[in-house]
């Protein structure tokens, strides 16, 4: 009943970075403070099947990293992530670099009939920082690993119940709220 939503055309960063702040590397462009231990391919995280892109098979890109004030050179949005089918739920595998308050990014669901619905992602509720992940009200810790800087980095899974399951979803946009937090989206799964 679950299906992956393809981020390959929209991903802009890999998981590995070697040089801090060079605007070429991966993840949050912080050198070895990266997510190089991320497991790729189809896997179950927080009880949800996700397909995590393999950077080596996608031009070095595996995640969508968006604008946040500490990384103002990332894009402020990605548009037109194709879905093309009905879904009762969507599951988002995401996190954030740096802290902020309030909504730090949102998902804009565009339905085939032209209507749309925005899903705000609030720091401390649906998402939190990737360093030392902690339980949050509307997200589960879905992946944990270590890197050269800390023993605990991770990602969260947010479940969203579609209030319009009878309408096919045309596409999804991801929009930065341009706060101090830098949004990162690793995978999206739909459920019929």
C-alpha atoms as a PDB file:
ATOM      1  CA  UNK A   1       0.000   0.000   0.000  1.00  0.00           C
ATOM      2  CA  UNK A   2       3.009   2.300   0.309  1.00  0.00           C
ATOM      3  CA  UNK A   3       4.841   3.837  -2.632  1.00  0.00           C
ATOM      4  CA  UNK A   4       7.980   5.975  -2.870  1.00  0.00           C
ATOM      5  CA  UNK A   5       7.792   9.526  -4.193  1.00  0.00           C
ATOM      6  CA  UNK A   6      10.772  10.210  -6.427  1.00  0.00           C
ATOM      7  CA  UNK A   7      13.038  13.066  -5.262  1.00  0.00           C
ATOM      8  CA  UNK A   8      15.849  12.323  -7.734  1.00  0.00           C
ATOM      9  CA  UNK A   9      15.226  15.366  -9.977  1.00  0.00           C
ATOM     10  CA  UNK A  10      14.924  17.703  -6.985  1.00  0.00           C
ATOM     11  CA  UNK A  11      17.736  16.535  -4.690  1.00  0.00           C
ATOM     12  CA  UNK A  12      20.560  19.065  -4.531  1.00  0.00           C
ATOM     13  CA  UNK A  13      23.060  17.674  -1.992  1.00  0.00           C
ATOM     14  CA  UNK A  14      24.660  14.354  -1.104  1.00  0.00           C
ATOM     15  CA  UNK A  15      25.222  12.985   2.391  1.00  0.00           C
ATOM     16  CA  UNK A  16      29.025  13.280   2.474  1.00  0.00           C
ATOM     17  CA  UNK A  17      31.027  16.511   2.687  1.00  0.00           C
ATOM     18  CA  UNK A  18      34.755  17.010   3.005  1.00  0.00           C
ATOM     19  CA  UNK A  19      35.237  20.798   2.974  1.00  0.00           C
ATOM     20  CA  UNK A  20      33.243  23.112   5.240  1.00  0.00           C
ATOM     21  CA  UNK A  21      31.507  26.001   3.458  1.00  0.00           C
ATOM     22  CA  UNK A  22      32.756  25.367  -0.082  1.00  0.00           C
ATOM     23  CA  UNK A  23      29.200  25.252  -1.498  1.00  0.00           C
ATOM     24  CA  UNK A  24      30.102  22.057  -3.379  1.00  0.00           C
ATOM     25  CA  UNK A  25      29.977  19.246  -0.858  1.00  0.00           C
ATOM     26  CA  UNK A  26      27.064  17.527   0.749  1.00  0.00           C
ATOM     27  CA  UNK A  27      24.496  17.686   3.484  1.00  0.00           C
ATOM     28  CA  UNK A  28      24.633  21.077   5.289  1.00  0.00           C
ATOM     29  CA  UNK A  29      28.059  21.918   3.770  1.00  0.00           C
ATOM     30  CA  UNK A  30      29.809  21.615   7.138  1.00  0.00           C
ATOM     31  CA  UNK A  31      32.691  19.344   6.187  1.00  0.00           C
ATOM     32  CA  UNK A  32      32.879  16.057   8.080  1.00  0.00           C
ATOM     33  CA  UNK A  33      29.903  17.149  10.200  1.00  0.00           C
ATOM     34  CA  UNK A  34      27.719  15.328   7.681  1.00  0.00           C
ATOM     35  CA  UNK A  35      25.408  12.338   7.231  1.00  0.00           C
ATOM     36  CA  UNK A  36      27.881  10.090   5.392  1.00  0.00           C
ATOM     37  CA  UNK A  37      26.665   7.024   7.335  1.00  0.00           C
ATOM     38  CA  UNK A  38      23.151   7.301   5.906  1.00  0.00           C
ATOM     39  CA  UNK A  39      21.915   3.956   4.612  1.00  0.00           C
ATOM     40  CA  UNK A  40      20.544   4.223   1.073  1.00  0.00           C
ATOM     41  CA  UNK A  41      18.061   2.214  -0.957  1.00  0.00           C
ATOM     42  CA  UNK A  42      14.726   0.793   0.155  1.00  0.00           C
ATOM     43  CA  UNK A  43      14.495   0.385   3.913  1.00  0.00           C
ATOM     44  CA  UNK A  44      12.002   0.551   6.758  1.00  0.00           C
ATOM     45  CA  UNK A  45      12.468   3.509   9.131  1.00  0.00           C
ATOM     46  CA  UNK A  46      10.040   4.237  11.985  1.00  0.00           C
ATOM     47  CA  UNK A  47       7.898   1.411  10.576  1.00  0.00           C
ATOM     48  CA  UNK A  48       7.591   3.101   7.146  1.00  0.00           C
ATOM     49  CA  UNK A  49       9.163   1.890   3.894  1.00  0.00           C
ATOM     50  CA  UNK A  50      11.300   4.685   2.427  1.00  0.00           C
ATOM     51  CA  UNK A  51      13.527   4.780  -0.637  1.00  0.00           C
ATOM     52  CA  UNK A  52      16.650   6.831   0.122  1.00  0.00           C
ATOM     53  CA  UNK A  53      18.531   7.943  -2.967  1.00  0.00           C
ATOM     54  CA  UNK A  54      22.061   6.674  -3.584  1.00  0.00           C
ATOM     55  CA  UNK A  55      24.186   9.780  -4.337  1.00  0.00           C
ATOM     56  CA  UNK A  56      26.541   7.804  -6.602  1.00  0.00           C
ATOM     57  CA  UNK A  57      23.608   6.923  -8.870  1.00  0.00           C
ATOM     58  CA  UNK A  58      22.110  10.444  -8.924  1.00  0.00           C
ATOM     59  CA  UNK A  59      24.966  12.789  -9.793  1.00  0.00           C
ATOM     60  CA  UNK A  60      26.095  13.045  -6.152  1.00  0.00           C
ATOM     61  CA  UNK A  61      22.663  14.256  -4.998  1.00  0.00           C
ATOM     62  CA  UNK A  62      20.446  12.456  -2.483  1.00  0.00           C
ATOM     63  CA  UNK A  63      18.632  15.021  -0.300  1.00  0.00           C
ATOM     64  CA  UNK A  64      16.758  18.287  -0.679  1.00  0.00           C
ATOM     65  CA  UNK A  65      18.494  20.938   1.445  1.00  0.00           C
ATOM     66  CA  UNK A  66      16.774  24.336   1.525  1.00  0.00           C
ATOM     67  CA  UNK A  67      17.561  27.897   2.494  1.00  0.00           C
ATOM     68  CA  UNK A  68      18.104  28.763   6.132  1.00  0.00           C
ATOM     69  CA  UNK A  69      19.933  31.904   7.267  1.00  0.00           C
ATOM     70  CA  UNK A  70      23.157  29.991   8.077  1.00  0.00           C
ATOM     71  CA  UNK A  71      23.075  28.568   4.520  1.00  0.00           C
ATOM     72  CA  UNK A  72      21.439  31.300   2.449  1.00  0.00           C
ATOM     73  CA  UNK A  73      22.944  29.923  -0.781  1.00  0.00           C
ATOM     74  CA  UNK A  74      20.617  26.902  -0.825  1.00  0.00           C
ATOM     75  CA  UNK A  75      17.357  27.236  -2.829  1.00  0.00           C
ATOM     76  CA  UNK A  76      14.335  28.523  -0.942  1.00  0.00           C
ATOM     77  CA  UNK A  77      11.988  25.967  -2.524  1.00  0.00           C
ATOM     78  CA  UNK A  78      11.622  22.982  -4.795  1.00  0.00           C
ATOM     79  CA  UNK A  79       8.501  22.666  -6.889  1.00  0.00           C
ATOM     80  CA  UNK A  80       6.734  19.966  -8.821  1.00  0.00           C
ATOM     81  CA  UNK A  81       7.728  16.746  -7.048  1.00  0.00           C
ATOM     82  CA  UNK A  82       5.480  14.404  -9.008  1.00  0.00           C
ATOM     83  CA  UNK A  83       3.005  12.146  -7.217  1.00  0.00           C
ATOM     84  CA  UNK A  84       0.205  11.497  -9.741  1.00  0.00           C
ATOM     85  CA  UNK A  85      -1.997   9.302  -7.559  1.00  0.00           C
ATOM     86  CA  UNK A  86      -4.266   9.183  -4.519  1.00  0.00           C
ATOM     87  CA  UNK A  87      -2.840   8.851  -1.012  1.00  0.00           C
ATOM     88  CA  UNK A  88      -4.522   8.556   2.364  1.00  0.00           C
ATOM     89  CA  UNK A  89      -1.249   9.455   4.125  1.00  0.00           C
ATOM     90  CA  UNK A  90       2.150  10.911   3.355  1.00  0.00           C
ATOM     91  CA  UNK A  91       5.278  10.188   5.367  1.00  0.00           C
ATOM     92  CA  UNK A  92       8.154  12.652   5.360  1.00  0.00           C
ATOM     93  CA  UNK A  93      11.721  11.697   6.311  1.00  0.00           C
ATOM     94  CA  UNK A  94      13.333  14.985   7.260  1.00  0.00           C
ATOM     95  CA  UNK A  95      15.342  17.020   9.764  1.00  0.00           C
ATOM     96  CA  UNK A  96      16.807  20.492  10.247  1.00  0.00           C
ATOM     97  CA  UNK A  97      20.205  22.016  10.807  1.00  0.00           C
ATOM     98  CA  UNK A  98      20.419  24.815  13.358  1.00  0.00           C
ATOM     99  CA  UNK A  99      17.528  25.784  15.641  1.00  0.00           C
ATOM    100  CA  UNK A 100      14.551  28.049  15.123  1.00  0.00           C
ATOM    101  CA  UNK A 101      11.067  28.557  16.475  1.00  0.00           C
ATOM    102  CA  UNK A 102       7.771  28.149  14.691  1.00  0.00           C
ATOM    103  CA  UNK A 103       7.330  26.770  11.188  1.00  0.00           C
ATOM    104  CA  UNK A 104      10.717  26.317   9.508  1.00  0.00           C
ATOM    105  CA  UNK A 105       9.437  24.917   6.219  1.00  0.00           C
ATOM    106  CA  UNK A 106       6.271  23.509   4.695  1.00  0.00           C
ATOM    107  CA  UNK A 107       5.028  20.998   2.186  1.00  0.00           C
ATOM    108  CA  UNK A 108       2.517  22.293  -0.361  1.00  0.00           C
ATOM    109  CA  UNK A 109       0.284  19.481  -1.636  1.00  0.00           C
ATOM    110  CA  UNK A 110      -1.193  20.239  -5.065  1.00  0.00           C
ATOM    111  CA  UNK A 111      -4.223  18.181  -6.068  1.00  0.00           C
ATOM    112  CA  UNK A 112      -5.219  17.256  -9.630  1.00  0.00           C
ATOM    113  CA  UNK A 113      -8.336  19.479  -9.400  1.00  0.00           C
ATOM    114  CA  UNK A 114      -6.167  22.592  -8.854  1.00  0.00           C
ATOM    115  CA  UNK A 115      -6.737  22.888  -5.111  1.00  0.00           C
ATOM    116  CA  UNK A 116      -3.822  22.859  -2.697  1.00  0.00           C
ATOM    117  CA  UNK A 117      -3.074  22.408   0.971  1.00  0.00           C
ATOM    118  CA  UNK A 118      -0.061  23.611   2.946  1.00  0.00           C
ATOM    119  CA  UNK A 119       1.447  21.449   5.699  1.00  0.00           C
ATOM    120  CA  UNK A 120       3.540  23.578   8.077  1.00  0.00           C
ATOM    121  CA  UNK A 121       6.535  21.845   9.668  1.00  0.00           C
ATOM    122  CA  UNK A 122       7.084  23.360  13.115  1.00  0.00           C
ATOM    123  CA  UNK A 123      10.440  23.092  14.866  1.00  0.00           C
ATOM    124  CA  UNK A 124      10.060  21.039  18.039  1.00  0.00           C
ATOM    125  CA  UNK A 125       6.770  19.513  16.870  1.00  0.00           C
ATOM    126  CA  UNK A 126       7.141  17.867  13.426  1.00  0.00           C
ATOM    127  CA  UNK A 127      10.896  18.318  13.083  1.00  0.00           C
ATOM    128  CA  UNK A 128      13.907  19.078  15.261  1.00  0.00           C
ATOM    129  CA  UNK A 129      17.661  19.334  14.997  1.00  0.00           C
ATOM    130  CA  UNK A 130      19.628  16.514  13.455  1.00  0.00           C
ATOM    131  CA  UNK A 131      22.263  16.522  16.220  1.00  0.00           C
ATOM    132  CA  UNK A 132      21.244  14.361  19.193  1.00  0.00           C
ATOM    133  CA  UNK A 133      17.711  13.627  17.981  1.00  0.00           C
ATOM    134  CA  UNK A 134      15.067  13.682  20.716  1.00  0.00           C
ATOM    135  CA  UNK A 135      11.424  12.677  20.824  1.00  0.00           C
ATOM    136  CA  UNK A 136       9.009  15.302  19.472  1.00  0.00           C
ATOM    137  CA  UNK A 137       5.177  15.334  19.566  1.00  0.00           C
ATOM    138  CA  UNK A 138       4.448  14.841  15.855  1.00  0.00           C
ATOM    139  CA  UNK A 139       7.521  13.008  14.617  1.00  0.00           C
ATOM    140  CA  UNK A 140       9.373   9.799  15.377  1.00  0.00           C
ATOM    141  CA  UNK A 141      13.118   9.352  15.345  1.00  0.00           C
ATOM    142  CA  UNK A 142      13.538   7.302  12.188  1.00  0.00           C
ATOM    143  CA  UNK A 143      17.302   7.051  11.701  1.00  0.00           C
ATOM    144  CA  UNK A 144      20.281   7.493  14.009  1.00  0.00           C
ATOM    145  CA  UNK A 145      23.978   7.283  13.328  1.00  0.00           C
ATOM    146  CA  UNK A 146      27.226   9.050  14.222  1.00  0.00           C
ATOM    147  CA  UNK A 147      29.696  11.242  12.403  1.00  0.00           C
ATOM    148  CA  UNK A 148      33.191  12.612  13.044  1.00  0.00           C
ATOM    149  CA  UNK A 149      31.812  15.395  15.265  1.00  0.00           C
ATOM    150  CA  UNK A 150      29.157  13.692  17.395  1.00  0.00           C
ATOM    151  CA  UNK A 151      27.927  10.259  18.408  1.00  0.00           C
ATOM    152  CA  UNK A 152      24.305  10.979  17.489  1.00  0.00           C
ATOM    153  CA  UNK A 153      22.795  12.470  14.348  1.00  0.00           C
ATOM    154  CA  UNK A 154      19.447  11.544  12.894  1.00  0.00           C
ATOM    155  CA  UNK A 155      16.272  12.022  10.930  1.00  0.00           C
ATOM    156  CA  UNK A 156      12.589  12.225  11.864  1.00  0.00           C
ATOM    157  CA  UNK A 157       9.490  10.700  10.290  1.00  0.00           C
ATOM    158  CA  UNK A 158       6.353  12.846  10.165  1.00  0.00           C
ATOM    159  CA  UNK A 159       3.027  11.200   9.271  1.00  0.00           C
ATOM    160  CA  UNK A 160       0.389  13.360   7.602  1.00  0.00           C
ATOM    161  CA  UNK A 161      -3.227  12.230   7.221  1.00  0.00           C
ATOM    162  CA  UNK A 162      -4.657  13.518   3.937  1.00  0.00           C
ATOM    163  CA  UNK A 163      -8.055  15.178   4.523  1.00  0.00           C
ATOM    164  CA  UNK A 164      -8.859  14.737   0.798  1.00  0.00           C
ATOM    165  CA  UNK A 165      -7.924  11.100   0.061  1.00  0.00           C
ATOM    166  CA  UNK A 166     -10.454  10.889  -2.783  1.00  0.00           C
ATOM    167  CA  UNK A 167      -8.502  13.475  -4.827  1.00  0.00           C
ATOM    168  CA  UNK A 168      -5.345  12.434  -6.668  1.00  0.00           C
ATOM    169  CA  UNK A 169      -2.275  14.399  -5.588  1.00  0.00           C
ATOM    170  CA  UNK A 170      -0.598  15.955  -8.601  1.00  0.00           C
ATOM    171  CA  UNK A 171       2.610  17.125  -6.931  1.00  0.00           C
ATOM    172  CA  UNK A 172       4.314  18.411  -3.794  1.00  0.00           C
ATOM    173  CA  UNK A 173       6.403  21.559  -3.311  1.00  0.00           C
ATOM    174  CA  UNK A 174       8.767  22.088  -0.376  1.00  0.00           C
ATOM    175  CA  UNK A 175       9.075  25.707   0.797  1.00  0.00           C
ATOM    176  CA  UNK A 176      11.606  27.125   3.247  1.00  0.00           C
ATOM    177  CA  UNK A 177      10.264  29.598   5.809  1.00  0.00           C
ATOM    178  CA  UNK A 178      13.707  31.304   5.662  1.00  0.00           C
ATOM    179  CA  UNK A 179      14.385  31.058   9.390  1.00  0.00           C
ATOM    180  CA  UNK A 180      17.580  30.161  11.263  1.00  0.00           C
ATOM    181  CA  UNK A 181      16.882  26.468  10.602  1.00  0.00           C
ATOM    182  CA  UNK A 182      18.106  24.773   7.415  1.00  0.00           C
ATOM    183  CA  UNK A 183      15.506  22.190   6.245  1.00  0.00           C
ATOM    184  CA  UNK A 184      16.563  18.791   4.904  1.00  0.00           C
ATOM    185  CA  UNK A 185      14.221  16.269   3.239  1.00  0.00           C
ATOM    186  CA  UNK A 186      15.621  12.811   2.544  1.00  0.00           C
ATOM    187  CA  UNK A 187      12.571  10.828   1.356  1.00  0.00           C
ATOM    188  CA  UNK A 188       8.782  10.928   1.005  1.00  0.00           C
ATOM    189  CA  UNK A 189       6.454   7.914   0.982  1.00  0.00           C
ATOM    190  CA  UNK A 190       2.776   7.819   0.080  1.00  0.00           C
ATOM    191  CA  UNK A 191       0.222   5.318   1.369  1.00  0.00           C
ATOM    192  CA  UNK A 192      -2.873   4.318  -0.603  1.00  0.00           C
END
